Amino acid sequence: MPTIKRFAGFVIRMYFSDENPPHVHVENVDFRARVSITDASVLDGEIPSKFSREALSWIEKNRDWLLAKWAEYS
């Protein structure tokens, strides 16, 4: 799946054939994490604190859109 959103220092991606629960990948060259769309919790991996607030806030604010995309492509 293409990149959903680019930030300074990381990207948010959604992969077409991923399994439930609905989630996105928050990544850069130094870290990777899977984050639940429904509650913006980190499922696995880690996000450094300097990126965490921005990433999780964006996921929360865009939850409905992200869930619609998950349903459309999964």
N, C-alpha and C. Protein backbone atom coordinates (compact mmCIF):
# COMPACT_ATOMS: atom_id res chain seq x y z
N MET A 1 0.86 -1.19 0.00
CA MET A 1 0.00 0.00 0.00
C MET A 1 0.88 1.22 0.00
N PRO A 2 0.44 2.20 -0.66
CA PRO A 2 1.21 3.43 -0.69
C PRO A 2 1.28 4.09 0.69
N THR A 3 2.15 5.03 0.77
CA THR A 3 2.26 5.84 1.98
C THR A 3 0.97 6.65 2.15
N ILE A 4 0.42 6.61 3.34
CA ILE A 4 -0.80 7.34 3.65
C ILE A 4 -0.49 8.80 3.98
N LYS A 5 0.59 9.01 4.77
CA LYS A 5 0.93 10.35 5.22
C LYS A 5 2.42 10.43 5.46
N ARG A 6 3.05 11.53 5.04
CA ARG A 6 4.46 11.79 5.29
C ARG A 6 4.59 12.91 6.31
N PHE A 7 5.44 12.70 7.27
CA PHE A 7 5.76 13.71 8.28
C PHE A 7 7.26 13.97 8.21
N ALA A 8 7.71 14.97 8.91
CA ALA A 8 9.15 15.21 9.02
C ALA A 8 9.73 14.11 9.90
N GLY A 9 10.38 13.14 9.31
CA GLY A 9 11.04 12.10 10.08
C GLY A 9 10.39 10.73 10.09
N PHE A 10 9.15 10.59 9.60
CA PHE A 10 8.52 9.28 9.56
C PHE A 10 7.36 9.29 8.57
N VAL A 11 6.88 8.09 8.25
CA VAL A 11 5.73 7.95 7.35
C VAL A 11 4.71 7.01 8.00
N ILE A 12 3.46 7.12 7.55
CA ILE A 12 2.42 6.19 7.94
C ILE A 12 1.98 5.46 6.68
N ARG A 13 1.98 4.12 6.77
CA ARG A 13 1.60 3.28 5.63
C ARG A 13 0.52 2.29 6.04
N MET A 14 -0.20 1.83 5.02
CA MET A 14 -1.18 0.76 5.23
C MET A 14 -0.93 -0.27 4.13
N TYR A 15 -0.78 -1.53 4.51
CA TYR A 15 -0.52 -2.58 3.54
C TYR A 15 -1.82 -3.31 3.21
N PHE A 16 -2.03 -3.56 1.91
CA PHE A 16 -3.29 -4.13 1.43
C PHE A 16 -3.66 -5.45 2.06
N SER A 17 -2.74 -6.36 2.21
CA SER A 17 -3.11 -7.72 2.61
C SER A 17 -2.85 -8.00 4.09
N ASP A 18 -2.71 -6.98 4.92
CA ASP A 18 -2.49 -7.20 6.35
C ASP A 18 -3.71 -7.81 7.01
N GLU A 19 -3.47 -8.51 8.10
CA GLU A 19 -4.53 -9.15 8.87
C GLU A 19 -5.06 -8.21 9.94
N ASN A 20 -6.25 -8.54 10.45
CA ASN A 20 -6.85 -7.76 11.54
C ASN A 20 -5.98 -7.86 12.79
N PRO A 21 -6.09 -6.93 13.69
CA PRO A 21 -7.01 -5.80 13.73
C PRO A 21 -6.57 -4.70 12.77
N PRO A 22 -7.49 -3.81 12.41
CA PRO A 22 -7.13 -2.69 11.53
C PRO A 22 -5.98 -1.88 12.13
N HIS A 23 -4.94 -1.66 11.34
CA HIS A 23 -3.76 -0.95 11.83
C HIS A 23 -3.02 -0.27 10.70
N VAL A 24 -2.11 0.60 11.10
CA VAL A 24 -1.20 1.24 10.17
C VAL A 24 0.22 0.98 10.66
N HIS A 25 1.17 1.23 9.77
CA HIS A 25 2.59 1.10 10.09
C HIS A 25 3.18 2.50 10.17
N VAL A 26 3.84 2.78 11.28
CA VAL A 26 4.55 4.05 11.45
C VAL A 26 6.03 3.68 11.35
N GLU A 27 6.73 4.30 10.37
CA GLU A 27 8.08 3.83 10.06
C GLU A 27 9.02 4.97 9.69
N ASN A 28 10.29 4.75 9.96
CA ASN A 28 11.38 5.48 9.33
C ASN A 28 12.57 4.53 9.29
N VAL A 29 13.74 5.00 8.95
CA VAL A 29 14.87 4.09 8.81
C VAL A 29 15.31 3.49 10.14
N ASP A 30 14.98 4.14 11.26
CA ASP A 30 15.43 3.68 12.58
C ASP A 30 14.38 2.97 13.41
N PHE A 31 13.12 3.02 13.02
CA PHE A 31 12.09 2.36 13.82
C PHE A 31 10.91 1.95 12.95
N ARG A 32 10.14 1.01 13.49
CA ARG A 32 8.90 0.53 12.87
C ARG A 32 7.94 0.15 13.98
N ALA A 33 6.66 0.46 13.77
CA ALA A 33 5.64 0.06 14.73
C ALA A 33 4.33 -0.16 13.99
N ARG A 34 3.54 -1.09 14.50
CA ARG A 34 2.16 -1.26 14.03
C ARG A 34 1.27 -0.60 15.06
N VAL A 35 0.33 0.24 14.59
CA VAL A 35 -0.53 1.00 15.49
C VAL A 35 -1.99 0.72 15.14
N SER A 36 -2.76 0.38 16.16
CA SER A 36 -4.19 0.13 15.99
C SER A 36 -4.89 1.40 15.54
N ILE A 37 -5.74 1.27 14.55
CA ILE A 37 -6.52 2.43 14.09
C ILE A 37 -7.62 2.75 15.10
N THR A 38 -8.21 1.74 15.69
CA THR A 38 -9.38 1.98 16.55
C THR A 38 -9.06 2.74 17.82
N ASP A 39 -7.87 2.54 18.39
CA ASP A 39 -7.55 3.26 19.63
C ASP A 39 -6.16 3.90 19.65
N ALA A 40 -5.48 3.89 18.53
CA ALA A 40 -4.14 4.49 18.38
C ALA A 40 -3.14 3.94 19.39
N SER A 41 -3.28 2.65 19.73
CA SER A 41 -2.31 2.02 20.62
C SER A 41 -1.26 1.30 19.78
N VAL A 42 -0.05 1.23 20.28
CA VAL A 42 1.03 0.54 19.58
C VAL A 42 0.85 -0.96 19.81
N LEU A 43 0.66 -1.69 18.72
CA LEU A 43 0.47 -3.14 18.79
C LEU A 43 1.80 -3.87 18.94
N ASP A 44 2.80 -3.43 18.21
CA ASP A 44 4.15 -3.96 18.36
C ASP A 44 5.13 -2.98 17.75
N GLY A 45 6.38 -3.16 18.12
CA GLY A 45 7.40 -2.20 17.72
C GLY A 45 7.40 -1.01 18.66
N GLU A 46 8.05 0.05 18.24
CA GLU A 46 8.08 1.24 19.08
C GLU A 46 8.21 2.49 18.22
N ILE A 47 7.73 3.58 18.77
CA ILE A 47 7.84 4.89 18.15
C ILE A 47 8.57 5.78 19.14
N PRO A 48 9.70 6.36 18.78
CA PRO A 48 10.38 7.26 19.71
C PRO A 48 9.47 8.40 20.14
N SER A 49 9.65 8.84 21.37
CA SER A 49 8.75 9.85 21.93
C SER A 49 8.70 11.12 21.11
N LYS A 50 9.78 11.49 20.43
CA LYS A 50 9.75 12.73 19.65
C LYS A 50 8.83 12.64 18.43
N PHE A 51 8.42 11.42 18.04
CA PHE A 51 7.49 11.23 16.93
C PHE A 51 6.13 10.71 17.38
N SER A 52 6.08 10.12 18.54
CA SER A 52 4.89 9.42 19.00
C SER A 52 3.65 10.31 19.08
N ARG A 53 3.75 11.45 19.71
CA ARG A 53 2.58 12.30 19.89
C ARG A 53 1.97 12.71 18.55
N GLU A 54 2.83 13.12 17.61
CA GLU A 54 2.32 13.56 16.30
C GLU A 54 1.67 12.40 15.55
N ALA A 55 2.32 11.24 15.56
CA ALA A 55 1.79 10.08 14.83
C ALA A 55 0.46 9.62 15.42
N LEU A 56 0.41 9.43 16.72
CA LEU A 56 -0.80 8.90 17.35
C LEU A 56 -1.94 9.91 17.28
N SER A 57 -1.63 11.18 17.41
CA SER A 57 -2.66 12.21 17.28
C SER A 57 -3.26 12.21 15.87
N TRP A 58 -2.42 12.10 14.86
CA TRP A 58 -2.91 12.09 13.48
C TRP A 58 -3.79 10.88 13.24
N ILE A 59 -3.40 9.72 13.77
CA ILE A 59 -4.20 8.51 13.61
C ILE A 59 -5.56 8.69 14.28
N GLU A 60 -5.58 9.23 15.49
CA GLU A 60 -6.85 9.47 16.19
C GLU A 60 -7.75 10.42 15.41
N LYS A 61 -7.19 11.51 14.90
CA LYS A 61 -7.98 12.51 14.17
C LYS A 61 -8.51 11.99 12.84
N ASN A 62 -7.83 11.01 12.27
CA ASN A 62 -8.21 10.48 10.96
C ASN A 62 -8.75 9.05 11.04
N ARG A 63 -9.21 8.64 12.21
CA ARG A 63 -9.66 7.27 12.46
C ARG A 63 -10.74 6.82 11.47
N ASP A 64 -11.77 7.63 11.27
CA ASP A 64 -12.87 7.21 10.38
C ASP A 64 -12.37 6.99 8.96
N TRP A 65 -11.56 7.89 8.46
CA TRP A 65 -11.01 7.76 7.11
C TRP A 65 -10.12 6.53 7.00
N LEU A 66 -9.26 6.32 8.00
CA LEU A 66 -8.38 5.16 7.99
C LEU A 66 -9.17 3.84 8.04
N LEU A 67 -10.20 3.80 8.86
CA LEU A 67 -11.04 2.59 8.92
C LEU A 67 -11.75 2.34 7.60
N ALA A 68 -12.19 3.39 6.94
CA ALA A 68 -12.83 3.24 5.62
C ALA A 68 -11.83 2.69 4.61
N LYS A 69 -10.60 3.19 4.64
CA LYS A 69 -9.57 2.67 3.73
C LYS A 69 -9.25 1.22 4.05
N TRP A 70 -9.19 0.88 5.33
CA TRP A 70 -8.93 -0.51 5.72
C TRP A 70 -10.01 -1.42 5.15
N ALA A 71 -11.26 -1.03 5.31
CA ALA A 71 -12.37 -1.84 4.80
C ALA A 71 -12.34 -1.94 3.28
N GLU A 72 -11.96 -0.87 2.63
CA GLU A 72 -11.91 -0.85 1.18
C GLU A 72 -10.84 -1.76 0.62
N TYR A 73 -9.69 -1.82 1.25
CA TYR A 73 -8.53 -2.53 0.69
C TYR A 73 -8.19 -3.84 1.36
N SER A 74 -8.80 -4.17 2.48
CA SER A 74 -8.44 -5.42 3.16
C SER A 74 -9.38 -6.54 2.81
